[in-house]
C-alpha atoms as a PDB file:
ATOM      1  CA  ILE A   1      22.351  23.000   8.973  1.00  0.00           C
ATOM      2  CA  VAL A   2      19.773  22.069  11.604  1.00  0.00           C
ATOM      3  CA  LEU A   3      16.912  22.567   9.153  1.00  0.00           C
ATOM      4  CA  PHE A   4      18.684  20.512   6.491  1.00  0.00           C
ATOM      5  CA  SER A   5      19.367  17.706   9.000  1.00  0.00           C
ATOM      6  CA  LEU A   6      15.732  17.638  10.108  1.00  0.00           C
ATOM      7  CA  THR A   7      14.508  17.560   6.501  1.00  0.00           C
ATOM      8  CA  ALA A   8      16.913  14.741   5.584  1.00  0.00           C
ATOM      9  CA  MET A   9      15.829  12.788   8.659  1.00  0.00           C
ATOM     10  CA  MET A  10      12.151  13.250   7.758  1.00  0.00           C
ATOM     11  CA  ILE A  11      12.707  12.035   4.176  1.00  0.00           C
ATOM     12  CA  ILE A  12      14.644   8.972   5.340  1.00  0.00           C
ATOM     13  CA  LEU A  13      12.076   8.154   8.025  1.00  0.00           C
ATOM     14  CA  THR A  14       9.182   8.472   5.565  1.00  0.00           C
ATOM     15  CA  PHE A  15      10.947   6.305   2.972  1.00  0.00           C
ATOM     16  CA  VAL A  16      11.770   3.555   5.495  1.00  0.00           C
ATOM     17  CA  TYR A  17       8.253   3.624   6.922  1.00  0.00           C
ATOM     18  CA  SER A  18       6.613   3.478   3.469  1.00  0.00           C
ATOM     19  CA  SER A  19       8.892   0.617   2.403  1.00  0.00           C
ATOM     20  CA  HIS A  20       7.983  -1.324   5.516  1.00  0.00           C
ATOM     21  CA  LEU A  21       4.244  -0.774   5.013  1.00  0.00           C
ATOM     22  CA  THR A  22       4.491  -1.757   1.343  1.00  0.00           C
ATOM     23  CA  GLY A  23       6.298  -4.970   2.304  1.00  0.00           C
ATOM     24  CA  GLU A  24       3.594  -5.780   4.852  1.00  0.00           C
ATOM     25  CA  LYS A  25       0.895  -5.164   2.212  1.00  0.00           C
ATOM     26  CA  TYR A  26       2.543  -7.621  -0.183  1.00  0.00           C
ATOM     27  CA  LYS A  27       2.880 -10.207   2.619  1.00  0.00           C
ATOM     28  CA  ALA A  28      -0.825  -9.911   3.437  1.00  0.00           C
ATOM     29  CA  LEU A  29      -1.728 -10.197  -0.272  1.00  0.00           C
ATOM     30  CA  ASN A  30       0.398 -13.352  -0.567  1.00  0.00           C
ATOM     31  CA  LYS A  31      -1.289 -14.868   2.499  1.00  0.00           C
ATOM     32  CA  ALA A  32      -4.724 -14.117   1.059  1.00  0.00           C
ATOM     33  CA  CYS A  33      -3.762 -15.720  -2.274  1.00  0.00           C
ATOM     34  CA  ASP A  34      -2.333 -18.796  -0.519  1.00  0.00           C
ATOM     35  CA  SER A  35      -5.452 -19.410   1.551  1.00  0.00           C
ATOM     36  CA  VAL A  36      -7.840 -18.860  -1.367  1.00  0.00           C
ATOM     37  CA  SER A  37      -5.833 -20.942  -3.841  1.00  0.00           C
ATOM     38  CA  GLY A  38      -5.595 -23.844  -1.390  1.00  0.00           C
ATOM     39  CA  PHE A  39      -9.370 -23.964  -1.010  1.00  0.00           C
ATOM     40  CA  ALA A  40     -10.073 -23.341  -4.705  1.00  0.00           C
ATOM     41  CA  GLU A  41      -7.758 -26.152  -5.817  1.00  0.00           C
ATOM     42  CA  TYR A  42      -9.311 -28.532  -3.291  1.00  0.00           C
ATOM     43  CA  ALA A  43     -12.855 -27.647  -4.404  1.00  0.00           C
ATOM     44  CA  TYR A  44     -11.863 -28.033  -8.075  1.00  0.00           C
ATOM     45  CA  ARG A  45     -10.320 -31.455  -7.460  1.00  0.00           C
ATOM     46  CA  MET A  46     -13.417 -32.595  -5.577  1.00  0.00           C
ATOM     47  CA  GLY A  47     -15.540 -31.558  -8.552  1.00  0.00           C
ATOM     48  CA  SER A  48     -17.884 -29.424  -6.482  1.00  0.00           C
ATOM     49  CA  GLU A  49     -20.960 -28.472  -8.496  1.00  0.00           C
ATOM     50  CA  ASN A  50     -21.181 -25.219  -6.515  1.00  0.00           C
ATOM     51  CA  PHE A  51     -17.521 -24.410  -7.181  1.00  0.00           C
ATOM     52  CA  ASN A  52     -18.093 -20.750  -8.137  1.00  0.00           C
ATOM     53  CA  ARG A  53     -20.364 -20.037  -5.188  1.00  0.00           C
ATOM     54  CA  ASN A  54     -18.082 -21.794  -2.661  1.00  0.00           C
ATOM     55  CA  VAL A  55     -14.987 -20.029  -3.954  1.00  0.00           C
ATOM     56  CA  TYR A  56     -16.864 -16.707  -3.865  1.00  0.00           C
ATOM     57  CA  TYR A  57     -17.551 -17.129  -0.124  1.00  0.00           C
ATOM     58  CA  ILE A  58     -13.853 -17.756   0.558  1.00  0.00           C
ATOM     59  CA  ILE A  59     -12.604 -14.827  -1.532  1.00  0.00           C
ATOM     60  CA  SER A  60     -15.257 -12.446  -0.202  1.00  0.00           C
ATOM     61  CA  ASN A  61     -14.333 -13.330   3.400  1.00  0.00           C
ATOM     62  CA  SER A  62     -10.628 -12.872   2.697  1.00  0.00           C
ATOM     63  CA  ALA A  63     -11.306  -9.624   0.818  1.00  0.00           C
ATOM     64  CA  SER A  64     -13.383  -8.200   3.675  1.00  0.00           C
ATOM     65  CA  VAL A  65     -10.818  -9.167   6.332  1.00  0.00           C
ATOM     66  CA  TYR A  66      -7.884  -7.671   4.443  1.00  0.00           C
ATOM     67  CA  ASP A  67      -9.809  -4.952   2.548  1.00  0.00           C
ATOM     68  CA  PHE A  68      -8.564  -6.307  -0.802  1.00  0.00           C
ATOM     69  CA  ASP A  69     -10.120  -6.994  -4.193  1.00  0.00           C
ATOM     70  CA  ILE A  70      -9.752 -10.665  -5.129  1.00  0.00           C
ATOM     71  CA  PHE A  71     -10.516 -12.233  -8.512  1.00  0.00           C
ATOM     72  CA  VAL A  72     -10.519 -15.772  -9.857  1.00  0.00           C
ATOM     73  CA  THR A  73      -9.801 -15.966 -13.571  1.00  0.00           C
ATOM     74  CA  ASP A  74      -9.862 -18.770 -16.102  1.00  0.00           C
ATOM     75  CA  LYS A  75      -6.603 -19.879 -17.745  1.00  0.00           C
ATOM     76  CA  GLY A  76      -7.024 -17.140 -20.356  1.00  0.00           C
ATOM     77  CA  GLY A  77      -7.015 -14.457 -17.641  1.00  0.00           C
ATOM     78  CA  VAL A  78     -10.752 -13.638 -17.935  1.00  0.00           C
ATOM     79  CA  ILE A  79     -12.293 -12.818 -14.542  1.00  0.00           C
ATOM     80  CA  ARG A  80     -14.955 -15.395 -13.636  1.00  0.00           C
ATOM     81  CA  ILE A  81     -15.419 -14.818  -9.887  1.00  0.00           C
ATOM     82  CA  CYS A  82     -15.058 -11.513  -8.036  1.00  0.00           C
ATOM     83  CA  SER A  83     -15.103 -10.687  -4.326  1.00  0.00           C
ATOM     84  CA  CYS A  84     -17.538  -7.768  -4.717  1.00  0.00           C
ATOM     85  CA  LYS A  85     -21.104  -7.953  -3.333  1.00  0.00           C
ATOM     86  CA  GLU A  86     -22.611  -7.429  -6.756  1.00  0.00           C
ATOM     87  CA  TRP A  87     -21.168 -10.781  -7.851  1.00  0.00           C
ATOM     88  CA  ALA A  88     -22.889 -12.491  -4.889  1.00  0.00           C
ATOM     89  CA  GLU A  89     -26.250 -11.053  -5.896  1.00  0.00           C
ATOM     90  CA  ASN A  90     -26.107 -11.574  -9.672  1.00  0.00           C
ATOM     91  CA  GLY A  91     -23.354 -14.095 -10.333  1.00  0.00           C
ATOM     92  CA  ASN A  92     -21.499 -11.379 -12.224  1.00  0.00           C
ATOM     93  CA  CYS A  93     -20.344  -7.781 -11.815  1.00  0.00           C
ATOM     94  CA  ASP A  94     -18.508  -5.015 -13.657  1.00  0.00           C
ATOM     95  CA  HIS A  95     -15.277  -6.999 -13.378  1.00  0.00           C
ATOM     96  CA  THR A  96     -16.697 -10.309 -14.616  1.00  0.00           C
ATOM     97  CA  GLY A  97     -15.643 -11.028 -18.168  1.00  0.00           C
ATOM     98  CA  THR A  98     -12.776  -8.513 -18.051  1.00  0.00           C
ATOM     99  CA  ALA A  99      -9.572 -10.051 -19.371  1.00  0.00           C
ATOM    100  CA  ILE A 100      -6.313  -9.443 -17.549  1.00  0.00           C
ATOM    101  CA  ALA A 101      -3.521  -9.254 -20.118  1.00  0.00           C
ATOM    102  CA  LYS A 102      -1.310 -12.354 -20.298  1.00  0.00           C
ATOM    103  CA  ASN A 103       1.866 -10.286 -19.935  1.00  0.00           C
ATOM    104  CA  ASP A 104       0.397  -8.771 -16.714  1.00  0.00           C
ATOM    105  CA  ILE A 105      -0.323 -12.258 -15.376  1.00  0.00           C
ATOM    106  CA  SER A 106       3.213 -13.366 -16.312  1.00  0.00           C
ATOM    107  CA  ASP A 107       4.658 -10.333 -14.477  1.00  0.00           C
ATOM    108  CA  ILE A 108       2.511 -11.014 -11.410  1.00  0.00           C
ATOM    109  CA  LEU A 109       3.527 -14.685 -11.233  1.00  0.00           C
ATOM    110  CA  ALA A 110       7.200 -13.948 -11.947  1.00  0.00           C
ATOM    111  CA  LYS A 111       7.603 -11.506  -9.060  1.00  0.00           C
ATOM    112  CA  GLU A 112       7.230 -13.045  -5.627  1.00  0.00           C
ATOM    113  CA  ASN A 113       6.581  -9.653  -4.041  1.00  0.00           C
ATOM    114  CA  GLY A 114       3.995  -8.756  -6.672  1.00  0.00           C
ATOM    115  CA  ILE A 115       3.727  -5.711  -8.908  1.00  0.00           C
ATOM    116  CA  MET A 116       2.097  -2.317  -8.932  1.00  0.00           C
ATOM    117  CA  SER A 117      -0.434  -1.936 -11.748  1.00  0.00           C
ATOM    118  CA  LYS A 118      -3.929  -0.820 -12.788  1.00  0.00           C
ATOM    119  CA  LEU A 119      -4.507  -4.083 -14.726  1.00  0.00           C
ATOM    120  CA  ASN A 120      -6.888  -2.093 -16.962  1.00  0.00           C
ATOM    121  CA  ILE A 121      -9.431  -2.530 -14.150  1.00  0.00           C
ATOM    122  CA  PHE A 122      -8.609   0.115 -11.564  1.00  0.00           C
ATOM    123  CA  ARG A 123      -8.377   3.894 -11.896  1.00  0.00           C
ATOM    124  CA  THR A 124      -5.240   4.110  -9.775  1.00  0.00           C
ATOM    125  CA  PRO A 125      -2.293   1.702  -9.411  1.00  0.00           C
ATOM    126  CA  ARG A 126      -2.672  -1.084  -6.856  1.00  0.00           C
ATOM    127  CA  TYR A 127      -0.398  -3.584  -5.181  1.00  0.00           C
ATOM    128  CA  ILE A 128      -1.064  -6.841  -7.081  1.00  0.00           C
ATOM    129  CA  VAL A 129      -0.170 -10.438  -6.195  1.00  0.00           C
ATOM    130  CA  GLY A 130      -1.318 -13.651  -7.860  1.00  0.00           C
ATOM    131  CA  GLU A 131      -1.041 -17.415  -7.946  1.00  0.00           C
ATOM    132  CA  ALA A 132      -1.780 -20.077 -10.528  1.00  0.00           C
ATOM    133  CA  LEU A 133      -4.565 -22.610  -9.848  1.00  0.00           C
ATOM    134  CA  ASN A 134      -3.573 -26.136 -10.842  1.00  0.00           C
ATOM    135  CA  ASP A 135      -5.567 -29.350 -11.219  1.00  0.00           C
ATOM    136  CA  ASN A 136      -4.518 -32.901 -10.222  1.00  0.00           C
ATOM    137  CA  THR A 137      -2.192 -33.188 -13.229  1.00  0.00           C
ATOM    138  CA  GLY A 138      -0.481 -29.881 -12.493  1.00  0.00           C
ATOM    139  CA  SER A 139      -2.130 -28.112 -15.427  1.00  0.00           C
ATOM    140  CA  THR A 140      -3.130 -24.504 -14.822  1.00  0.00           C
ATOM    141  CA  TYR A 141      -6.877 -23.877 -15.111  1.00  0.00           C
ATOM    142  CA  GLY A 142      -6.965 -20.337 -13.685  1.00  0.00           C
ATOM    143  CA  TYR A 143      -5.422 -17.701 -11.480  1.00  0.00           C
ATOM    144  CA  ILE A 144      -6.096 -15.984  -8.154  1.00  0.00           C
ATOM    145  CA  ILE A 145      -5.377 -12.250  -8.345  1.00  0.00           C
ATOM    146  CA  ALA A 146      -5.432 -10.095  -5.200  1.00  0.00           C
ATOM    147  CA  ALA A 147      -5.180  -6.298  -5.296  1.00  0.00           C
ATOM    148  CA  ALA A 148      -4.750  -3.743  -2.500  1.00  0.00           C
ATOM    149  CA  SER A 149      -5.076   0.014  -2.562  1.00  0.00           C
ATOM    150  CA  VAL A 150      -1.985   2.202  -2.265  1.00  0.00           C
ATOM    151  CA  ASP A 151      -4.017   5.033  -0.712  1.00  0.00           C
ATOM    152  CA  ASP A 152      -3.769   3.908   2.910  1.00  0.00           C
ATOM    153  CA  VAL A 153       0.043   3.664   2.694  1.00  0.00           C
ATOM    154  CA  LYS A 154       0.163   7.148   1.155  1.00  0.00           C
ATOM    155  CA  ALA A 155      -2.215   8.492   3.815  1.00  0.00           C
ATOM    156  CA  LEU A 156      -0.104   7.018   6.609  1.00  0.00           C
ATOM    157  CA  ALA A 157       3.104   8.448   5.107  1.00  0.00           C
ATOM    158  CA  THR A 158       1.402  11.858   4.879  1.00  0.00           C
ATOM    159  CA  LYS A 159       0.368  11.638   8.538  1.00  0.00           C
ATOM    160  CA  VAL A 160       3.923  10.758   9.569  1.00  0.00           C
ATOM    161  CA  ILE A 161       5.233  13.792   7.648  1.00  0.00           C
ATOM    162  CA  LYS A 162       2.648  16.085   9.277  1.00  0.00           C
ATOM    163  CA  ILE A 163       3.447  14.796  12.777  1.00  0.00           C
ATOM    164  CA  TYR A 164       7.151  15.160  12.150  1.00  0.00           C
ATOM    165  CA  LEU A 165       6.746  18.706  10.803  1.00  0.00           C
ATOM    166  CA  MET A 166       4.643  19.690  13.808  1.00  0.00           C
ATOM    167  CA  ALA A 167       7.230  18.161  16.123  1.00  0.00           C
ATOM    168  CA  ALA A 168      10.069  19.934  14.281  1.00  0.00           C
ATOM    169  CA  ILE A 169       8.471  23.398  14.097  1.00  0.00           C
ATOM    170  CA  PHE A 170       8.386  23.970  17.864  1.00  0.00           C
ATOM    171  CA  PRO A 171      12.103  23.271  18.475  1.00  0.00           C
ATOM    172  CA  ILE A 172      13.077  25.432  15.473  1.00  0.00           C
ATOM    173  CA  VAL A 173      10.932  28.368  16.661  1.00  0.00           C
ATOM    174  CA  PHE A 174      12.297  27.960  20.200  1.00  0.00           C
ATOM    175  CA  MET A 175      15.870  27.823  18.838  1.00  0.00           C
ATOM    176  CA  PHE A 176      15.436  31.081  16.879  1.00  0.00           C
ATOM    177  CA  PHE A 177      13.855  32.762  19.913  1.00  0.00           C
ATOM    178  CA  ALA A 178      16.722  31.571  22.133  1.00  0.00           C
ATOM    179  CA  LEU A 179      19.298  32.813  19.588  1.00  0.00           C
ATOM    180  CA  TYR A 180      17.597  36.207  19.485  1.00  0.00           C
ATOM    181  CA  VAL A 181      17.603  36.513  23.290  1.00  0.00           C
ATOM    182  CA  MET A 182      21.226  35.385  23.573  1.00  0.00           C
ATOM    183  CA  SER A 183      22.459  37.707  20.812  1.00  0.00           C
ATOM    184  CA  TYR A 184      20.516  40.599  22.371  1.00  0.00           C
ATOM    185  CA  ARG A 185      22.122  39.956  25.772  1.00  0.00           C
ATOM    186  CA  MET A 186      25.589  39.669  24.234  1.00  0.00           C
ATOM    187  CA  THR A 187      25.309  42.878  22.176  1.00  0.00           C
ATOM    188  CA  ARG A 188      23.523  44.984  24.816  1.00  0.00           C
ATOM    189  CA  PRO A 189      26.696  46.015  26.722  1.00  0.00           C
ATOM    190  CA  LEU A 190      28.289  47.076  23.417  1.00  0.00           C
ATOM    191  CA  LYS A 191      25.259  49.204  22.569  1.00  0.00           C
ATOM    192  CA  LEU A 192      25.339  50.806  26.037  1.00  0.00           C
ATOM    193  CA  MET A 193      29.060  51.567  25.661  1.00  0.00           C
ATOM    194  CA  SER A 194      28.576  53.113  22.199  1.00  0.00           C
ATOM    195  CA  GLU A 195      25.672  55.236  23.502  1.00  0.00           C
ATOM    196  CA  ALA A 196      27.814  56.402  26.452  1.00  0.00           C
ATOM    197  CA  ALA A 197      30.675  57.279  24.110  1.00  0.00           C
ATOM    198  CA  ARG A 198      28.354  59.314  21.907  1.00  0.00           C
ATOM    199  CA  ALA A 199      26.956  61.147  24.955  1.00  0.00           C
ATOM    200  CA  MET A 200      30.495  62.324  25.931  1.00  0.00           C
END
């Protein structure tokens, strides 16, 4: 019963902790998208001739602060600006020119808390959030897509499980040792009596 209770508690604790961390990830992704989209829309409305370069500096700063991947796409979902260093050096990278499927973009925009997907870009699923970029008339000319790795949440959950297991092992071992000592003390007089009876 004790072991079952400890296991149930560990599962519940891990689930609650992972849910909280996932929620915080999505909040941070939304904040990054909000800040980048605000600047990108302003720069687009001002008609900046260095629009791509200026937007790159904003998304690369946000990406480095939050440790996210951030992309700016055109209205067709094709990545035009990427937060990676390679884009800064060459004006393009492995991601540039990759099209994000329209149904993926629709899913991202429809869900306020984002989605979990590979987007045909990443090897493993990521937390994904996005926002539409609109011009003065309200027409969409592109999208901001921000992605965060799931690995750090998994790693933290694994650490919590390990700590909990280590904390649970010592009381369980102590409990079994204490039970052994108590049962030995309780049965010892009976053993002595049976040995005395046999000796007679």
